[in-house]
Structures are given as structure tokens and as C-alpha cells.
């Protein structure tokens, strides 16, 4: 018997697998910079290069208040978690926000929601 795997299999990691920011269920001051970062891994057999990853933050009304894409230079194969930083977010008003992380370039693209 033998296994067949994807050449590249990217995923956005859930909270707790890698450090990320902003953290779920935390309170942040209105109008102050909040660092933004998210975790990823590649479960495939080959390293992924120049991978676009996007973070979108929506306010309580569902309006997009932050959308940034970063290019991850290399996501090594083997499933080791890694963290990508994005430009900081400045909330403009109190309330609850929802963060979505998307990584592209794989048949198994990942998404992560934080409320």
C-alpha cells in the first residue's frame, strides 16, 4: 500500500494552535492599534512559496472595516505551524468584531473566524 497526498495543502490554524492577534474573547481599547497576526501550516509534500493570505475584520453590522493581504514567502511542508504578521488594526467604535483568515493556493484552502 502507499499514500497519495496533495503537493501543497495549506490551512489557516485555529486559535490556540499558534499565537494570533487579536485574541478571541479579549477586550481592546477603541482607537488604539491592535497587532494582527495569524497562524498557518502546510500539510503537503512540497514547500509553498509566495502564498497570499488575507485577514478581513467586520464590525457588528457586517461591514468590512479591515482587509489586508500579505504574501507569505515560504510555508514549509511537513505541517509545522508558522505565524504571519499583518498591518495593525485600529477599531473605530466599540462593539464586537469578527476576524476571518483565508489562505490561498491550495485545494484545501483554510478559513478561520474569530468573534
Protein backbone atom coordinates (compact mmCIF):
# COMPACT_ATOMS: atom_id res chain seq x y z
CA UNK A 1 0.00 0.00 0.00
CA UNK A 2 1.00 3.63 -0.46
CA UNK A 3 -0.37 7.08 0.33
CA UNK A 4 -1.16 9.87 -2.07
CA UNK A 5 -1.14 13.40 -0.64
CA UNK A 6 -1.56 16.89 -2.00
CA UNK A 7 1.64 18.51 -3.21
CA UNK A 8 0.60 21.65 -1.26
CA UNK A 9 -2.13 21.60 1.41
CA UNK A 10 -2.40 24.94 3.21
CA UNK A 11 -4.60 25.80 6.16
CA UNK A 12 -5.26 28.70 8.49
CA UNK A 13 -4.85 27.47 12.05
CA UNK A 14 -7.37 27.72 14.85
CA UNK A 15 -6.77 29.84 17.92
CA UNK A 16 -4.52 28.04 20.37
CA UNK A 17 -2.52 26.16 17.73
CA UNK A 18 -0.28 29.18 17.07
CA UNK A 19 -0.20 32.63 18.62
CA UNK A 20 -2.52 35.04 16.84
CA UNK A 21 -3.87 38.52 17.35
CA UNK A 22 -6.37 39.84 18.16
CA UNK A 23 -7.25 37.13 20.64
CA UNK A 24 -10.75 35.72 20.88
CA UNK A 25 -12.89 36.92 23.84
CA UNK A 26 -10.48 39.74 24.73
CA UNK A 27 -11.25 43.43 25.16
CA UNK A 28 -9.22 46.09 23.38
CA UNK A 29 -9.34 49.90 23.72
CA UNK A 30 -11.20 51.81 21.00
CA UNK A 31 -8.97 53.84 18.70
CA UNK A 32 -5.71 52.08 19.65
CA UNK A 33 -3.52 49.89 17.47
CA UNK A 34 -4.15 46.15 17.71
CA UNK A 35 -1.43 43.91 16.25
CA UNK A 36 -2.81 41.46 13.68
CA UNK A 37 -1.25 38.03 13.09
CA UNK A 38 -2.46 34.57 12.14
CA UNK A 39 -1.09 31.04 12.04
CA UNK A 40 -0.76 28.75 9.04
CA UNK A 41 0.66 25.38 8.11
CA UNK A 42 1.30 23.30 5.02
CA UNK A 43 0.40 19.63 5.35
CA UNK A 44 1.50 18.94 1.77
CA UNK A 45 4.64 17.29 0.42
CA UNK A 46 6.27 20.41 -1.10
CA UNK A 47 7.06 23.85 0.27
CA UNK A 48 4.59 26.56 -0.77
CA UNK A 49 6.05 29.89 -1.88
CA UNK A 50 4.58 33.37 -2.37
CA UNK A 51 1.30 32.40 -0.74
CA UNK A 52 -1.38 35.11 -0.45
CA UNK A 53 -3.06 35.22 2.96
CA UNK A 54 -5.89 37.62 3.78
CA UNK A 55 -7.34 38.90 7.04
CA UNK A 56 -10.77 40.53 6.99
CA UNK A 57 -12.36 42.14 10.06
CA UNK A 58 -16.06 43.03 10.10
CA UNK A 59 -17.95 45.13 12.63
CA UNK A 60 -21.26 44.12 14.26
CA UNK A 61 -23.20 45.40 11.23
CA UNK A 62 -21.22 43.04 8.98
CA UNK A 63 -19.32 45.88 7.30
CA UNK A 64 -15.69 45.25 6.37
CA UNK A 65 -13.55 47.60 8.46
CA UNK A 66 -10.18 45.96 7.74
CA UNK A 67 -8.94 43.90 4.80
CA UNK A 68 -5.26 43.20 4.29
CA UNK A 69 -3.41 40.63 2.22
CA UNK A 70 0.16 39.58 2.90
CA UNK A 71 2.38 37.35 0.81
CA UNK A 72 3.92 34.56 2.88
CA UNK A 73 7.28 33.93 1.24
CA UNK A 74 7.52 30.27 2.27
CA UNK A 75 5.22 27.87 4.10
CA UNK A 76 7.38 24.77 4.58
CA UNK A 77 5.95 21.30 4.06
CA UNK A 78 5.62 18.91 6.97
CA UNK A 79 2.83 20.62 8.92
CA UNK A 80 4.92 22.80 11.23
CA UNK A 81 2.88 25.86 12.33
CA UNK A 82 4.11 29.33 11.43
CA UNK A 83 2.84 32.86 12.10
CA UNK A 84 2.36 35.72 9.63
CA UNK A 85 2.04 39.33 10.78
CA UNK A 86 -0.25 41.85 9.09
CA UNK A 87 -0.55 45.64 9.46
CA UNK A 88 -2.15 46.68 12.76
CA UNK A 89 -5.89 47.30 13.04
CA UNK A 90 -7.39 50.40 14.67
CA UNK A 91 -11.01 49.85 15.77
CA UNK A 92 -13.29 52.81 15.20
CA UNK A 93 -16.08 52.31 17.70
CA UNK A 94 -16.96 49.92 20.46
CA UNK A 95 -18.69 46.62 19.76
CA UNK A 96 -17.95 43.10 18.68
CA UNK A 97 -15.80 42.39 15.63
CA UNK A 98 -15.35 39.21 13.58
CA UNK A 99 -11.98 38.26 12.07
CA UNK A 100 -11.65 35.88 9.10
CA UNK A 101 -8.34 34.49 7.85
CA UNK A 102 -8.04 32.94 4.39
CA UNK A 103 -5.01 31.31 2.79
CA UNK A 104 -4.97 30.64 -0.96
CA UNK A 105 -3.08 28.47 -3.38
CA UNK A 106 -4.25 25.05 -2.30
CA UNK A 107 -7.14 22.69 -2.97
CA UNK A 108 -7.57 22.67 0.82
CA UNK A 109 -7.72 26.43 1.49
CA UNK A 110 -8.38 27.32 5.11
CA UNK A 111 -10.55 29.89 6.86
CA UNK A 112 -10.69 30.90 10.49
CA UNK A 113 -13.38 33.01 12.15
CA UNK A 114 -12.85 34.77 15.49
CA UNK A 115 -15.76 36.57 17.14
